[in-house]
Amino acid sequence: MVNIKNINTALEKFKDAAAKHTEATEQGDYKTANKCYGVIAKAVLFLKEQNEIQQLSVFLNHNSIGVCVWAATYLLPVKEREATQLLEQIAGGTGIHSFTANTTLREWRRGNLKL
């Protein structure tokens, strides 16, 4: 069980889970990816409850592409320009993370993402 009591813990849990989710996705390990998503979701919920979701901006330049994609995704409602620019850049590449970024952008623009 993930216990988050402050913003720094939420950010650390988000970063670690997003990085592990990335690795699991690349390896096709859906069980680990699903567990990591649960931690990501809890960290994001905590940050939203504290009105601090914009703190995820520190991860827009992270060395893990997956951490960047997750951060940009959850920043779309509050930092749309920066988040879409990063997702567009990633979407221009190849591989699963480019596909994810492209799909995220498409669904955001269609109004289908409820973040």
Protein backbone atom coordinates (compact mmCIF):
# COMPACT_ATOMS: atom_id res chain seq x y z
CA MET A 1 0.00 0.00 0.00
CA VAL A 2 1.25 3.44 -0.90
CA ASN A 3 1.22 5.96 1.91
CA ILE A 4 1.64 9.55 0.76
CA LYS A 5 1.76 12.27 3.39
CA ASN A 6 3.48 15.18 1.64
CA ILE A 7 4.20 16.66 -1.77
CA ASN A 8 7.82 15.49 -1.90
CA THR A 9 6.77 11.91 -1.21
CA ALA A 10 4.08 12.14 -3.89
CA LEU A 11 6.59 13.42 -6.42
CA GLU A 12 9.13 10.72 -5.54
CA LYS A 13 6.50 7.96 -5.73
CA PHE A 14 5.24 9.34 -9.06
CA LYS A 15 8.73 9.47 -10.55
CA ASP A 16 9.72 5.99 -9.38
CA ALA A 17 6.43 4.38 -10.44
CA ALA A 18 6.46 6.12 -13.84
CA ALA A 19 10.03 4.95 -14.49
CA LYS A 20 9.17 1.38 -13.45
CA HIS A 21 5.98 1.51 -15.54
CA THR A 22 8.09 2.52 -18.53
CA GLU A 23 10.45 -0.41 -18.07
CA ALA A 24 7.59 -2.84 -17.54
CA THR A 25 5.80 -1.57 -20.65
CA GLU A 26 8.94 -1.99 -22.74
CA GLN A 27 9.32 -5.55 -21.44
CA GLY A 28 5.66 -6.46 -21.90
CA ASP A 29 5.20 -6.98 -18.15
CA TYR A 30 1.61 -5.81 -17.80
CA LYS A 31 1.27 -6.96 -14.17
CA THR A 32 4.10 -4.71 -13.00
CA ALA A 33 2.89 -1.89 -15.26
CA ASN A 34 -0.59 -2.11 -13.75
CA LYS A 35 0.79 -2.01 -10.19
CA CYS A 36 2.92 1.00 -11.08
CA TYR A 37 -0.09 2.75 -12.60
CA GLY A 38 -1.86 2.38 -9.26
CA VAL A 39 0.98 4.22 -7.53
CA ILE A 40 1.02 6.91 -10.24
CA ALA A 41 -2.72 7.43 -9.81
CA LYS A 42 -2.43 7.74 -6.01
CA ALA A 43 0.41 10.24 -6.28
CA VAL A 44 -1.53 12.30 -8.81
CA LEU A 45 -4.66 12.21 -6.65
CA PHE A 46 -2.67 13.44 -3.65
CA LEU A 47 -1.14 16.27 -5.69
CA LYS A 48 -4.56 17.27 -7.02
CA GLU A 49 -6.04 17.26 -3.52
CA GLN A 50 -3.23 19.57 -2.41
CA ASN A 51 -3.76 21.75 -5.51
CA GLU A 52 -0.13 21.02 -6.46
CA ILE A 53 -0.44 19.04 -9.70
CA GLN A 54 1.74 21.65 -11.43
CA GLN A 55 4.66 20.28 -9.38
CA LEU A 56 4.87 17.51 -11.98
CA SER A 57 6.54 20.09 -14.25
CA VAL A 58 9.89 19.09 -12.76
CA PHE A 59 9.59 15.83 -14.72
CA LEU A 60 9.08 17.33 -18.18
CA ASN A 61 12.83 17.06 -18.79
CA HIS A 62 13.41 13.75 -17.03
CA ASN A 63 15.79 11.26 -18.60
CA SER A 64 13.05 8.60 -18.72
CA ILE A 65 10.73 9.15 -21.67
CA GLY A 66 7.94 7.43 -19.77
CA VAL A 67 8.25 9.78 -16.80
CA CYS A 68 8.01 12.68 -19.26
CA VAL A 69 4.92 11.22 -20.94
CA TRP A 70 3.15 10.59 -17.63
CA ALA A 71 3.98 14.06 -16.30
CA ALA A 72 2.93 15.78 -19.53
CA THR A 73 -0.31 13.83 -19.60
CA TYR A 74 -1.35 14.94 -16.13
CA LEU A 75 -0.21 18.50 -16.79
CA LEU A 76 -2.45 18.93 -19.86
CA PRO A 77 -5.25 20.65 -17.87
CA VAL A 78 -2.91 23.13 -16.14
CA LYS A 79 0.07 23.60 -18.48
CA GLU A 80 -1.42 22.66 -21.81
CA ARG A 81 1.10 24.44 -24.05
CA GLU A 82 4.17 22.91 -22.43
CA ALA A 83 2.57 19.49 -22.12
CA THR A 84 1.35 19.35 -25.72
CA GLN A 85 4.71 20.53 -27.05
CA LEU A 86 6.50 17.73 -25.24
CA LEU A 87 3.94 15.11 -26.24
CA GLU A 88 4.14 16.24 -29.88
CA GLN A 89 7.92 15.93 -29.78
CA ILE A 90 7.70 12.42 -28.33
CA ALA A 91 4.89 11.46 -30.74
CA GLY A 92 7.22 12.27 -33.63
CA GLY A 93 9.48 9.38 -32.70
CA THR A 94 8.96 5.65 -32.94
CA GLY A 95 8.00 2.95 -30.50
CA ILE A 96 5.42 2.43 -27.79
CA HIS A 97 6.04 5.76 -26.04
CA SER A 98 5.57 7.69 -29.28
CA PHE A 99 2.35 5.79 -29.87
CA THR A 100 1.21 6.59 -26.32
CA ALA A 101 2.04 10.29 -26.71
CA ASN A 102 0.19 10.43 -30.03
CA THR A 103 -2.87 8.69 -28.63
CA THR A 104 -2.86 10.92 -25.54
CA LEU A 105 -2.75 14.06 -27.70
CA ARG A 106 -5.49 12.82 -30.01
CA GLU A 107 -7.81 11.94 -27.14
CA TRP A 108 -7.06 15.20 -25.31
CA ARG A 109 -7.92 17.23 -28.41
CA ARG A 110 -11.14 15.25 -28.87
CA GLY A 111 -12.10 16.01 -25.27
CA ASN A 112 -12.05 12.36 -24.23
CA LEU A 113 -9.45 12.58 -21.45
CA LYS A 114 -10.79 13.29 -17.99
CA LEU A 115 -7.68 14.02 -15.98
